[in-house]
Amino acid sequence: MAPRSGRTSNRSEDGGGDGAPARPPVTDPHRAPAADGSLPPATGWLLRGKDGRLTAYAATPGGILRWTETRAGGPDWYGPEPLPLAGLLPYVSVARSAEGFVHLLGVRDRPGAAGEAERDLVHAVQFQTGRPLREWQSVGNPHGKDRAKGARIGMPSAVLDATGSMHLFVRNANGGLSAKHQSPTGRWQPWGGANAADTTLTGETSAAVTDRGAIDILVPAGGGTVRWLREKPDAKLERAGEEPAADIAHGTVTAERTGTEGLTRFWRDADDGTVLAWRPGSAPASLGGPGTGPLAPLRTPVDGYDCTILAGRGPDGRLQVAAYPTEDEDAGLHWTPTGEPCAGAPALALDGTGRVVLACLGLDGALRVTRQKDETGLALEAWRRF
């Protein structure tokens, strides 16, 4: 199944449209900075709220920038709105609860008493689309007051369990896995984690939740991987029985629920940047599509067929989109380029009308959005800039 690319639109940032609600004024003219390569880009930053509107989040050194649809199904957006937090690194892990609450997990550097930077993880919640965040809360650092080790932690991955409580996982400075989670009342529990015997974790953690509620964590380790499972919210981490043998490009592991029992993992090969897909019980399947950064996956029906859509940055920085029958990698897929070169990693979501929406940040830091046309297939509209 080959998606059809949308052209680039010259639409202005003013938003609004015939019959659309008035767009609130932009209170901050800043744009998201172009990725500098020092941190891995993250996907998953485009989410639909309880009211059907989509919201896009971008982490910047001054805090989060947020764009919000003016109404469910678009096409217009307002923003960027600044959600300030001094010292935030340009990386954020985003998770949404069944109630539509959006949890943001970031990494912050702030000056210490001796002038040395002190790094901690920070968490905030948005309870309604377009509304202010609750106050940022420090979650600490797995190395406590050891600032030298604390500065060497990886970038965290956050998921929510069936109770809406957050679980975070991060590679620590010792090459092990550190973990922290909330109780059902929202109180953060002490740091825990796990180590893999005679193995040092080298990549970024990727956590995901299966349909039955198990948390699945995959972390690159040199030329291989380590995988843990947390079967219930309060259970210990257990080493998984199957781990893919793969040399994974840094920061490129993502996942999508593709069956009632499990996930399909996607990543890029460390040597040639091509995409691979893996599920327990099978060998990694090559999907082509060389490029950089993580893939944005989305499982959704297309013309009545259960499909998995993938989007990622190609070698020239433009996005590439492909779709194939879910869990049928042997069917093959075709990568279609679309839009202009972008920064970081793209994101995919379904809007309030059930149409596929693809978003990225342009090299100018502005939000770029295209969505599925109201017709058969996976043809995309012209890109819009906000």
Protein backbone atom coordinates (compact mmCIF):
# COMPACT_ATOMS: atom_id res chain seq x y z
CA MET A 1 0.00 0.00 0.00
CA ALA A 2 1.65 3.23 -1.13
CA PRO A 3 0.65 6.51 0.50
CA ARG A 4 0.30 9.53 -1.75
CA SER A 5 2.20 12.62 -0.77
CA GLY A 6 0.67 16.02 -0.11
CA ARG A 7 2.21 19.13 -1.57
CA THR A 8 3.61 21.90 0.57
CA SER A 9 1.14 24.69 1.27
CA ASN A 10 2.05 28.35 1.52
CA ARG A 11 -0.67 28.85 4.10
CA SER A 12 0.22 31.54 6.66
CA GLU A 13 0.48 31.00 10.40
CA ASP A 14 -2.59 33.11 11.14
CA GLY A 15 -4.78 30.04 11.60
CA GLY A 16 -8.52 30.45 11.60
CA GLY A 17 -10.72 29.63 8.69
CA ASP A 18 -14.26 30.01 7.52
CA GLY A 19 -16.45 29.19 10.49
CA ALA A 20 -13.48 28.25 12.72
CA PRO A 21 -13.31 29.53 16.29
CA ALA A 22 -11.15 32.60 16.76
CA ARG A 23 -7.57 31.69 17.39
CA PRO A 24 -6.05 33.01 20.64
CA PRO A 25 -3.08 35.32 20.09
CA VAL A 26 0.37 33.81 20.08
CA THR A 27 1.95 35.04 23.29
CA ASP A 28 5.43 33.83 22.48
CA PRO A 29 7.02 34.15 19.02
CA HIS A 30 9.67 31.51 19.66
CA ARG A 31 9.90 28.39 17.63
CA ALA A 32 11.25 24.98 18.51
CA PRO A 33 15.01 24.90 17.91
CA ALA A 34 16.41 22.63 15.24
CA ALA A 35 17.78 19.39 16.64
CA ASP A 36 21.50 19.66 17.31
CA GLY A 37 22.16 15.93 17.39
CA SER A 38 23.32 15.87 21.01
CA LEU A 39 20.08 14.27 22.18
CA PRO A 40 18.03 11.57 20.46
CA PRO A 41 14.83 12.88 18.86
CA ALA A 42 11.56 11.58 20.29
CA THR A 43 8.29 10.73 18.61
CA GLY A 44 4.87 10.29 20.23
CA TRP A 45 4.43 14.04 20.81
CA LEU A 46 1.10 14.37 18.95
CA LEU A 47 -1.91 13.30 21.03
CA ARG A 48 -5.71 13.55 20.90
CA GLY A 49 -7.56 14.88 23.92
CA LYS A 50 -10.91 13.83 25.33
CA ASP A 51 -12.62 16.55 23.25
CA GLY A 52 -11.14 15.14 20.02
CA ARG A 53 -8.64 17.95 19.46
CA LEU A 54 -5.00 17.18 18.75
CA THR A 55 -2.12 18.79 20.63
CA ALA A 56 1.55 18.88 19.59
CA TYR A 57 4.36 19.31 22.12
CA ALA A 58 7.98 20.33 21.52
CA ALA A 59 10.64 20.54 24.24
CA THR A 60 13.00 23.54 24.11
CA PRO A 61 15.70 24.83 26.48
CA GLY A 62 13.11 27.28 27.87
CA GLY A 63 10.28 24.80 28.37
CA ILE A 64 7.56 23.18 26.28
CA LEU A 65 5.97 24.74 23.20
CA ARG A 66 2.41 23.63 22.57
CA TRP A 67 0.17 23.82 19.49
CA THR A 68 -3.53 22.93 19.74
CA GLU A 69 -6.21 22.34 17.12
CA THR A 70 -8.91 24.99 17.19
CA ARG A 71 -11.52 22.27 16.81
CA ALA A 72 -11.64 18.51 16.41
CA GLY A 73 -10.65 17.48 12.91
CA GLY A 74 -8.87 20.77 12.19
CA PRO A 75 -7.69 22.07 9.92
CA ASP A 76 -6.46 25.06 11.97
CA TRP A 77 -4.25 25.31 15.02
CA TYR A 78 -3.23 27.97 17.50
CA GLY A 79 0.19 28.32 19.08
CA PRO A 80 2.92 27.95 19.85
CA GLU A 81 2.06 28.58 23.49
CA PRO A 82 5.04 28.58 25.87
CA LEU A 83 4.87 26.35 28.95
CA PRO A 84 8.04 27.60 30.68
CA LEU A 85 10.57 25.54 32.59
CA ALA A 86 14.11 26.89 32.88
CA GLY A 87 16.85 24.38 32.15
CA LEU A 88 14.67 21.84 30.34
CA LEU A 89 16.62 19.83 27.79
CA PRO A 90 15.08 19.61 24.29
CA TYR A 91 13.64 16.14 24.88
CA VAL A 92 10.25 15.05 26.22
CA SER A 93 8.49 11.71 26.65
CA VAL A 94 4.70 12.04 26.42
CA ALA A 95 1.98 9.63 27.55
CA ARG A 96 -1.83 9.88 27.56
CA SER A 97 -4.23 8.24 29.99
CA ALA A 98 -7.60 6.72 29.14
CA GLU A 99 -9.21 9.85 30.64
CA GLY A 100 -7.29 12.06 28.22
CA PHE A 101 -4.77 13.35 30.75
CA VAL A 102 -1.41 14.09 29.12
CA HIS A 103 1.76 13.40 31.13
CA LEU A 104 5.04 15.07 30.16
CA LEU A 105 8.38 13.72 31.37
CA GLY A 106 11.54 15.71 30.72
CA VAL A 107 15.12 16.21 31.86
CA ARG A 108 16.26 19.44 33.51
CA ASP A 109 19.68 20.91 34.26
CA ARG A 110 19.82 23.57 36.95
CA PRO A 111 22.74 25.30 38.66
CA GLY A 112 24.05 23.57 41.78
CA ALA A 113 25.51 25.19 44.88
CA ALA A 114 29.07 24.90 43.54
CA GLY A 115 28.14 26.03 40.03
CA GLU A 116 28.04 22.46 38.75
CA ALA A 117 24.86 21.53 36.87
CA GLU A 118 22.40 19.36 38.75
CA ARG A 119 20.29 17.09 36.56
CA ASP A 120 16.86 15.79 37.50
CA LEU A 121 13.79 14.34 35.82
CA VAL A 122 10.64 16.47 35.84
CA HIS A 123 6.97 15.60 35.40
CA ALA A 124 3.86 17.64 34.67
CA VAL A 125 0.25 16.84 33.74
CA GLN A 126 -2.25 18.52 31.42
CA PHE A 127 -5.79 17.56 32.43
CA GLN A 128 -7.68 19.24 29.59
CA THR A 129 -6.81 20.15 26.02
CA GLY A 130 -5.46 23.68 25.81
CA ARG A 131 -5.51 24.23 29.58
CA PRO A 132 -2.44 25.11 31.70
CA LEU A 133 -0.14 22.39 32.95
CA ARG A 134 -0.08 21.45 36.58
CA GLU A 135 3.11 22.64 38.23
CA TRP A 136 6.27 20.79 37.21
CA GLN A 137 7.38 18.28 39.84
CA SER A 138 10.91 16.98 40.27
CA VAL A 139 11.13 13.20 40.21
CA GLY A 140 14.81 13.24 41.17
CA ASN A 141 17.71 11.33 39.68
CA PRO A 142 18.57 7.65 40.21
CA HIS A 143 22.04 8.72 41.40
CA GLY A 144 20.79 11.11 44.04
CA LYS A 145 23.36 13.77 44.93
CA ASP A 146 26.14 12.23 42.81
CA ARG A 147 26.09 14.95 40.14
CA ALA A 148 28.85 13.41 38.03
CA LYS A 149 26.89 10.17 37.62
CA GLY A 150 23.59 12.00 37.46
CA ALA A 151 24.76 13.91 34.38
CA ARG A 152 25.39 10.64 32.52
CA ILE A 153 21.90 9.14 32.66
CA GLY A 154 20.07 8.49 29.41
CA MET A 155 16.81 10.00 28.22
CA PRO A 156 13.73 8.55 29.98
CA SER A 157 10.78 6.66 28.57
CA ALA A 158 7.37 7.04 30.22
CA VAL A 159 4.21 4.92 30.05
CA LEU A 160 0.96 4.81 32.01
CA ASP A 161 -0.54 1.68 33.55
CA ALA A 162 -4.23 0.77 33.73
CA THR A 163 -4.70 2.95 36.82
CA GLY A 164 -3.29 6.03 35.04
CA SER A 165 -0.09 5.95 37.11
CA MET A 166 3.18 6.79 35.39
CA HIS A 167 6.11 4.40 35.12
CA LEU A 168 9.45 5.81 33.96
CA PHE A 169 12.54 3.93 32.86
CA VAL A 170 16.01 5.34 32.19
CA ARG A 171 19.50 3.99 31.57
CA ASN A 172 21.70 4.90 34.52
CA ALA A 173 25.38 5.83 34.61
CA ASN A 174 26.35 2.31 35.67
CA GLY A 175 24.89 0.75 32.54
CA GLY A 176 21.83 -0.65 34.29
CA LEU A 177 18.13 0.16 34.18
CA SER A 178 16.62 2.55 36.73
CA ALA A 179 12.87 2.67 37.25
CA LYS A 180 10.39 4.72 39.22
CA HIS A 181 6.60 4.71 39.31
CA GLN A 182 3.60 6.31 40.95
CA SER A 183 1.16 4.59 43.26
CA PRO A 184 -2.54 4.75 42.26
CA THR A 185 -2.81 7.83 44.52
CA GLY A 186 -0.13 9.62 42.50
CA ARG A 187 2.67 9.38 45.08
CA TRP A 188 6.07 8.61 43.60
CA GLN A 189 7.68 5.42 44.89
CA PRO A 190 11.43 5.02 45.59
CA TRP A 191 13.84 4.32 42.76
CA GLY A 192 14.25 0.70 41.71
CA GLY A 193 15.42 -1.02 38.57
CA ALA A 194 17.24 -4.03 37.22
CA ASN A 195 20.62 -5.10 35.89
CA ALA A 196 21.47 -7.53 33.14
CA ALA A 197 24.26 -9.88 34.18
CA ASP A 198 27.55 -9.16 32.38
CA THR A 199 25.79 -6.68 30.08
CA THR A 200 26.06 -2.90 29.93
CA LEU A 201 23.14 -0.94 28.52
CA THR A 202 24.29 1.55 25.90
CA GLY A 203 21.12 2.84 24.21
CA GLU A 204 17.97 4.64 25.26
CA THR A 205 15.11 2.82 26.94
CA SER A 206 11.87 2.21 25.06
CA ALA A 207 8.87 1.27 27.20
CA ALA A 208 5.43 0.32 25.89
CA VAL A 209 2.24 -1.22 27.28
CA THR A 210 0.49 -4.23 25.77
CA ASP A 211 -3.28 -4.59 25.44
CA ARG A 212 -3.32 -6.80 28.54
CA GLY A 213 -1.49 -4.16 30.58
CA ALA A 214 2.03 -5.59 30.72
CA ILE A 215 4.89 -3.08 30.45
CA ASP A 216 7.56 -4.13 27.94
CA ILE A 217 10.99 -2.44 28.08
CA LEU A 218 13.62 -2.85 25.38
CA VAL A 219 17.12 -1.33 25.64
CA PRO A 220 20.05 -1.65 23.22
CA ALA A 221 23.23 -3.04 24.75
CA GLY A 222 26.24 -2.84 22.45
CA GLY A 223 25.43 -4.99 19.44
CA GLY A 224 22.47 -6.65 21.15
CA THR A 225 19.46 -5.84 23.32
CA VAL A 226 18.07 -6.44 26.79
CA ARG A 227 14.34 -6.74 27.46
CA TRP A 228 12.32 -6.70 30.66
CA LEU A 229 8.64 -7.20 31.44
CA ARG A 230 6.50 -5.83 34.28
CA GLU A 231 3.37 -7.96 34.14
CA LYS A 232 1.38 -5.90 36.69
CA PRO A 233 1.75 -2.30 37.89
CA ASP A 234 3.30 -3.28 41.23
CA ALA A 235 5.27 -6.31 39.98
CA LYS A 236 9.04 -6.61 39.82
CA LEU A 237 10.85 -6.30 36.52
CA GLU A 238 11.57 -9.72 35.05
CA ARG A 239 14.02 -10.47 32.25
CA ALA A 240 12.07 -11.43 29.12
CA GLY A 241 12.60 -14.79 27.52
CA GLU A 242 13.13 -13.41 24.03
CA GLU A 243 15.39 -10.53 23.01
CA PRO A 244 16.09 -9.51 19.42
CA ALA A 245 19.66 -9.89 18.19
CA ALA A 246 20.21 -6.51 16.56
CA ASP A 247 22.69 -3.66 16.37
CA ILE A 248 20.33 -0.70 16.76
CA ALA A 249 20.97 2.91 15.77
CA HIS A 250 20.97 5.11 18.85
CA GLY A 251 17.59 6.34 20.05
CA THR A 252 15.50 4.74 17.31
CA VAL A 253 13.42 2.07 19.11
CA THR A 254 9.64 2.56 19.07
CA ALA A 255 6.65 0.25 19.44
CA GLU A 256 3.03 -0.15 18.43
CA ARG A 257 0.31 -2.47 19.72
CA THR A 258 -0.41 -4.83 16.86
CA GLY A 259 -2.11 -7.75 18.59
CA THR A 260 -4.07 -8.65 21.69
CA GLU A 261 -1.00 -10.06 23.42
CA GLY A 262 1.93 -7.98 22.29
CA LEU A 263 3.76 -5.30 20.40
CA THR A 264 5.69 -4.84 17.22
CA ARG A 265 9.01 -3.08 17.78
CA PHE A 266 10.56 -0.85 15.13
CA TRP A 267 14.10 0.51 14.90
CA ARG A 268 16.84 1.48 12.49
CA ASP A 269 19.87 -0.63 11.73
CA ALA A 270 23.07 0.90 13.09
CA ASP A 271 24.97 0.26 9.83
CA ASP A 272 22.66 1.35 7.02
CA GLY A 273 19.76 3.14 8.76
CA THR A 274 17.10 0.83 7.30
CA VAL A 275 13.95 -0.01 9.26
CA LEU A 276 13.42 -3.34 11.00
CA ALA A 277 10.32 -4.76 12.68
CA TRP A 278 10.32 -7.42 15.39
CA ARG A 279 7.91 -9.42 17.54
CA PRO A 280 8.66 -12.27 19.93
CA GLY A 281 8.72 -15.56 18.11
CA SER A 282 10.21 -14.17 14.90
CA ALA A 283 13.44 -12.74 13.54
CA PRO A 284 13.70 -9.00 12.78
CA ALA A 285 12.15 -8.24 9.38
CA SER A 286 13.75 -5.66 7.09
CA LEU A 287 11.38 -2.96 5.81
CA GLY A 288 13.85 -0.84 3.84
CA GLY A 289 13.37 2.91 4.12
CA PRO A 290 16.89 4.08 5.10
CA GLY A 291 17.03 7.28 7.10
CA THR A 292 17.67 8.69 10.56
CA GLY A 293 15.85 8.89 13.87
CA PRO A 294 12.95 6.88 15.28
CA LEU A 295 9.87 5.80 13.34
CA ALA A 296 6.41 7.08 14.20
CA PRO A 297 4.06 4.05 14.04
CA LEU A 298 0.27 4.07 13.89
CA ARG A 299 -2.10 1.12 13.59
CA THR A 300 -5.42 2.02 11.96
CA PRO A 301 -7.87 0.69 9.35
CA VAL A 302 -7.30 1.92 5.79
CA ASP A 303 -10.13 1.12 3.39
CA GLY A 304 -11.34 -1.51 5.83
CA TYR A 305 -7.96 -3.25 6.15
CA ASP A 306 -6.00 -3.40 9.41
CA CYS A 307 -2.80 -1.49 8.57
CA THR A 308 0.30 -0.20 10.26
CA ILE A 309 1.55 3.19 9.05
CA LEU A 310 5.16 4.26 9.53
CA ALA A 311 6.73 7.70 9.11
CA GLY A 312 10.37 8.67 9.48
CA ARG A 313 13.08 10.99 8.21
CA GLY A 314 14.78 9.94 5.00
CA PRO A 315 18.45 10.49 4.12
CA ASP A 316 17.65 13.98 2.76
CA GLY A 317 15.75 15.03 5.89
CA ARG A 318 12.32 14.81 4.22
CA LEU A 319 9.71 12.52 5.71
CA GLN A 320 8.99 9.11 4.25
CA VAL A 321 5.67 7.34 4.78
CA ALA A 322 4.76 3.70 4.26
CA ALA A 323 1.88 1.39 5.17
CA TYR A 324 1.39 -2.37 5.19
CA PRO A 325 -1.06 -4.99 6.53
CA THR A 326 -0.52 -5.24 10.28
CA GLU A 327 1.95 -7.96 11.27
CA ASP A 328 2.41 -8.98 7.62
CA GLU A 329 5.87 -7.60 6.91
CA ASP A 330 6.29 -10.13 4.09
CA ALA A 331 3.65 -8.22 2.10
CA GLY A 332 6.24 -5.52 1.43
CA LEU A 333 5.81 -1.77 1.54
CA HIS A 334 6.71 1.32 -0.45
CA TRP A 335 8.23 4.43 1.12
CA THR A 336 6.85 7.71 -0.25
CA PRO A 337 8.65 11.02 0.42
CA THR A 338 6.55 14.01 1.44
CA GLY A 339 6.99 17.63 2.47
CA GLU A 340 10.15 19.61 3.17
CA PRO A 341 13.13 18.61 5.32
CA CYS A 342 12.20 18.50 8.99
CA ALA A 343 13.94 18.51 12.35
CA GLY A 344 13.77 15.74 14.90
CA ALA A 345 11.28 12.90 14.52
CA PRO A 346 7.73 13.01 13.10
CA ALA A 347 4.56 12.02 14.93
CA LEU A 348 1.37 10.26 13.79
CA ALA A 349 -2.12 10.31 15.30
CA LEU A 350 -5.79 10.01 14.42
CA ASP A 351 -7.79 13.22 14.59
CA GLY A 352 -11.29 13.62 16.00
CA THR A 353 -12.83 12.45 12.73
CA GLY A 354 -10.64 9.35 12.47
CA ARG A 355 -8.32 10.72 9.78
CA VAL A 356 -4.57 10.10 9.90
CA VAL A 357 -2.53 13.19 10.83
CA LEU A 358 1.21 13.45 10.25
CA ALA A 359 3.19 16.24 11.91
CA CYS A 360 6.79 17.37 12.14
CA LEU A 361 8.80 20.43 13.10
CA GLY A 362 10.29 22.33 10.19
CA LEU A 363 13.88 23.49 10.11
CA ASP A 364 12.50 26.93 11.03
CA GLY A 365 10.97 25.50 14.22
CA ALA A 366 7.37 25.89 13.04
CA LEU A 367 4.84 23.07 13.20
CA ARG A 368 4.06 21.36 9.89
CA VAL A 369 0.89 19.27 9.57
CA THR A 370 -0.73 17.18 6.86
CA ARG A 371 -3.73 14.88 7.17
CA GLN A 372 -5.43 12.14 5.25
CA LYS A 373 -7.79 13.28 2.52
CA ASP A 374 -11.46 12.43 2.87
CA GLU A 375 -11.29 9.76 0.20
CA THR A 376 -10.18 6.16 -0.21
CA GLY A 377 -6.56 5.22 0.33
CA LEU A 378 -3.92 7.11 2.26
CA ALA A 379 -3.56 10.24 0.14
CA LEU A 380 -2.36 13.25 2.15
CA GLU A 381 -3.47 16.87 1.90
CA ALA A 382 -1.07 19.74 1.27
CA TRP A 383 1.19 20.50 4.22
CA ARG A 384 0.27 23.47 6.41
CA ARG A 385 2.62 25.59 8.53
CA PHE A 386 1.70 26.91 11.99
